[in-house]
Amino acid sequence: MTLTSRVSGWLLLLILSILSSLVIGLGLIWMSIDRADTAFRISQLQNELSQRVALNNKLEVERDRLLAPEDLRHKAAELGLHIAGPGQVRHAKLPKPGSGHAGKGK
């Protein structure tokens, strides 16, 4: 084996090593950037989730307050509503399913 072939073999090996190191390094940088982006997105989603949970809790409290029996009695009195007396409530009999009389315009 001649000196020229030995040098060209080592040179080729050195170039391949440098190229593979470069590719691996770029891959690691890309993964680091992607991990940082993913962590930022997760942080944003957690903040959004906590805001929505807080809003949901506030809305549940408001709903419970609006549906409180005392509040409903007060609103009904303001509107002049009262408990139905005898004969004021009518019960409608619904036709049986498949009889052809339920909303078909016949």
C-alpha atoms as a PDB file:
ATOM      1  CA  MET A   1       0.000   0.000   0.000  1.00  0.00           C
ATOM      2  CA  THR A   2       1.407   3.329  -0.969  1.00  0.00           C
ATOM      3  CA  LEU A   3       1.586   6.485   1.078  1.00  0.00           C
ATOM      4  CA  THR A   4      -0.901   8.239  -1.206  1.00  0.00           C
ATOM      5  CA  SER A   5      -3.567   5.582  -0.730  1.00  0.00           C
ATOM      6  CA  ARG A   6      -3.062   5.648   3.062  1.00  0.00           C
ATOM      7  CA  VAL A   7      -3.419   9.433   3.166  1.00  0.00           C
ATOM      8  CA  SER A   8      -6.501   9.400   0.939  1.00  0.00           C
ATOM      9  CA  GLY A   9      -8.068   6.697   3.155  1.00  0.00           C
ATOM     10  CA  TRP A  10      -7.455   8.721   6.336  1.00  0.00           C
ATOM     11  CA  LEU A  11      -8.646  11.880   4.613  1.00  0.00           C
ATOM     12  CA  LEU A  12     -11.856  10.181   3.522  1.00  0.00           C
ATOM     13  CA  LEU A  13     -12.372   8.849   7.047  1.00  0.00           C
ATOM     14  CA  LEU A  14     -11.765  12.311   8.504  1.00  0.00           C
ATOM     15  CA  ILE A  15     -14.240  13.952   6.099  1.00  0.00           C
ATOM     16  CA  LEU A  16     -16.901  11.332   6.868  1.00  0.00           C
ATOM     17  CA  SER A  17     -16.360  11.810  10.614  1.00  0.00           C
ATOM     18  CA  ILE A  18     -16.685  15.586  10.310  1.00  0.00           C
ATOM     19  CA  LEU A  19     -19.835  15.294   8.188  1.00  0.00           C
ATOM     20  CA  SER A  20     -21.474  12.815  10.554  1.00  0.00           C
ATOM     21  CA  SER A  21     -20.573  15.025  13.550  1.00  0.00           C
ATOM     22  CA  LEU A  22     -22.100  17.995  11.747  1.00  0.00           C
ATOM     23  CA  VAL A  23     -25.304  16.092  10.987  1.00  0.00           C
ATOM     24  CA  ILE A  24     -25.601  14.838  14.575  1.00  0.00           C
ATOM     25  CA  GLY A  25     -24.919  18.334  15.932  1.00  0.00           C
ATOM     26  CA  LEU A  26     -27.589  19.893  13.701  1.00  0.00           C
ATOM     27  CA  GLY A  27     -30.016  17.182  14.750  1.00  0.00           C
ATOM     28  CA  LEU A  28     -29.366  17.908  18.427  1.00  0.00           C
ATOM     29  CA  ILE A  29     -29.859  21.648  17.876  1.00  0.00           C
ATOM     30  CA  TRP A  30     -33.125  21.014  16.024  1.00  0.00           C
ATOM     31  CA  MET A  31     -34.360  18.720  18.810  1.00  0.00           C
ATOM     32  CA  SER A  32     -33.456  21.325  21.442  1.00  0.00           C
ATOM     33  CA  ILE A  33     -35.385  24.040  19.588  1.00  0.00           C
ATOM     34  CA  ASP A  34     -38.347  21.715  19.101  1.00  0.00           C
ATOM     35  CA  ARG A  35     -38.326  20.796  22.800  1.00  0.00           C
ATOM     36  CA  ALA A  36     -38.311  24.478  23.780  1.00  0.00           C
ATOM     37  CA  ASP A  37     -41.219  25.203  21.398  1.00  0.00           C
ATOM     38  CA  THR A  38     -43.169  22.251  22.788  1.00  0.00           C
ATOM     39  CA  ALA A  39     -42.538  23.352  26.377  1.00  0.00           C
ATOM     40  CA  PHE A  40     -43.729  26.888  25.528  1.00  0.00           C
ATOM     41  CA  ARG A  41     -46.885  25.527  23.851  1.00  0.00           C
ATOM     42  CA  ILE A  42     -47.603  23.288  26.863  1.00  0.00           C
ATOM     43  CA  SER A  43     -47.208  26.297  29.152  1.00  0.00           C
ATOM     44  CA  GLN A  44     -49.655  28.301  27.025  1.00  0.00           C
ATOM     45  CA  LEU A  45     -52.185  25.467  27.046  1.00  0.00           C
ATOM     46  CA  GLN A  46     -51.888  25.053  30.824  1.00  0.00           C
ATOM     47  CA  ASN A  47     -52.531  28.779  31.299  1.00  0.00           C
ATOM     48  CA  GLU A  48     -55.534  28.618  28.974  1.00  0.00           C
ATOM     49  CA  LEU A  49     -56.856  25.580  30.825  1.00  0.00           C
ATOM     50  CA  SER A  50     -56.529  27.257  34.220  1.00  0.00           C
ATOM     51  CA  GLN A  51     -58.307  30.374  32.888  1.00  0.00           C
ATOM     52  CA  ARG A  52     -61.150  28.260  31.517  1.00  0.00           C
ATOM     53  CA  VAL A  53     -61.450  26.306  34.773  1.00  0.00           C
ATOM     54  CA  ALA A  54     -61.621  29.581  36.710  1.00  0.00           C
ATOM     55  CA  LEU A  55     -64.284  30.943  34.338  1.00  0.00           C
ATOM     56  CA  ASN A  56     -66.244  27.683  34.605  1.00  0.00           C
ATOM     57  CA  ASN A  57     -66.164  27.901  38.408  1.00  0.00           C
ATOM     58  CA  LYS A  58     -67.388  31.508  38.308  1.00  0.00           C
ATOM     59  CA  LEU A  59     -70.205  30.559  35.924  1.00  0.00           C
ATOM     60  CA  GLU A  60     -71.268  27.657  38.144  1.00  0.00           C
ATOM     61  CA  VAL A  61     -71.447  29.976  41.155  1.00  0.00           C
ATOM     62  CA  GLU A  62     -73.485  32.476  39.129  1.00  0.00           C
ATOM     63  CA  ARG A  63     -75.833  29.725  37.893  1.00  0.00           C
ATOM     64  CA  ASP A  64     -76.340  28.425  41.429  1.00  0.00           C
ATOM     65  CA  ARG A  65     -77.057  31.943  42.642  1.00  0.00           C
ATOM     66  CA  LEU A  66     -79.593  32.565  39.865  1.00  0.00           C
ATOM     67  CA  LEU A  67     -81.330  29.233  40.471  1.00  0.00           C
ATOM     68  CA  ALA A  68     -81.552  29.663  44.235  1.00  0.00           C
ATOM     69  CA  PRO A  69     -85.174  29.149  45.362  1.00  0.00           C
ATOM     70  CA  GLU A  70     -85.310  32.462  47.260  1.00  0.00           C
ATOM     71  CA  ASP A  71     -84.029  34.398  44.245  1.00  0.00           C
ATOM     72  CA  LEU A  72     -86.552  32.650  41.968  1.00  0.00           C
ATOM     73  CA  ARG A  73     -89.408  33.480  44.386  1.00  0.00           C
ATOM     74  CA  HIS A  74     -88.348  37.129  44.422  1.00  0.00           C
ATOM     75  CA  LYS A  75     -88.192  37.305  40.591  1.00  0.00           C
ATOM     76  CA  ALA A  76     -91.553  35.551  40.261  1.00  0.00           C
ATOM     77  CA  ALA A  77     -93.115  38.048  42.670  1.00  0.00           C
ATOM     78  CA  GLU A  78     -91.654  40.957  40.652  1.00  0.00           C
ATOM     79  CA  LEU A  79     -93.237  39.541  37.496  1.00  0.00           C
ATOM     80  CA  GLY A  80     -96.584  38.883  39.177  1.00  0.00           C
ATOM     81  CA  LEU A  81     -96.308  35.114  38.933  1.00  0.00           C
ATOM     82  CA  HIS A  82     -97.826  32.856  41.551  1.00  0.00           C
ATOM     83  CA  ILE A  83     -98.491  29.192  42.191  1.00  0.00           C
ATOM     84  CA  ALA A  84    -101.102  27.775  39.819  1.00  0.00           C
ATOM     85  CA  GLY A  85    -104.512  27.277  41.349  1.00  0.00           C
ATOM     86  CA  PRO A  86    -106.928  24.402  40.779  1.00  0.00           C
ATOM     87  CA  GLY A  87    -108.100  24.203  37.175  1.00  0.00           C
ATOM     88  CA  GLN A  88    -105.312  26.408  35.822  1.00  0.00           C
ATOM     89  CA  VAL A  89    -103.069  23.558  34.709  1.00  0.00           C
ATOM     90  CA  ARG A  90    -104.019  21.551  31.650  1.00  0.00           C
ATOM     91  CA  HIS A  91    -102.482  18.227  30.709  1.00  0.00           C
ATOM     92  CA  ALA A  92    -102.212  17.377  27.039  1.00  0.00           C
ATOM     93  CA  LYS A  93    -102.225  13.780  25.911  1.00  0.00           C
ATOM     94  CA  LEU A  94     -99.541  13.103  23.357  1.00  0.00           C
ATOM     95  CA  PRO A  95    -100.310  10.736  20.487  1.00  0.00           C
ATOM     96  CA  LYS A  96     -98.520   7.420  20.497  1.00  0.00           C
ATOM     97  CA  PRO A  97     -95.415   7.220  18.299  1.00  0.00           C
ATOM     98  CA  GLY A  98     -96.177   5.854  14.843  1.00  0.00           C
ATOM     99  CA  SER A  99     -99.871   6.827  14.888  1.00  0.00           C
ATOM    100  CA  GLY A 100     -99.308   9.408  12.135  1.00  0.00           C
ATOM    101  CA  HIS A 101    -100.734  12.380  14.088  1.00  0.00           C
ATOM    102  CA  ALA A 102     -97.583  13.825  15.588  1.00  0.00           C
ATOM    103  CA  GLY A 103     -96.533  16.893  13.589  1.00  0.00           C
ATOM    104  CA  LYS A 104     -96.923  15.460  10.093  1.00  0.00           C
ATOM    105  CA  GLY A 105     -99.511  18.001   8.997  1.00  0.00           C
ATOM    106  CA  LYS A 106    -102.307  15.452   8.365  1.00  0.00           C
END
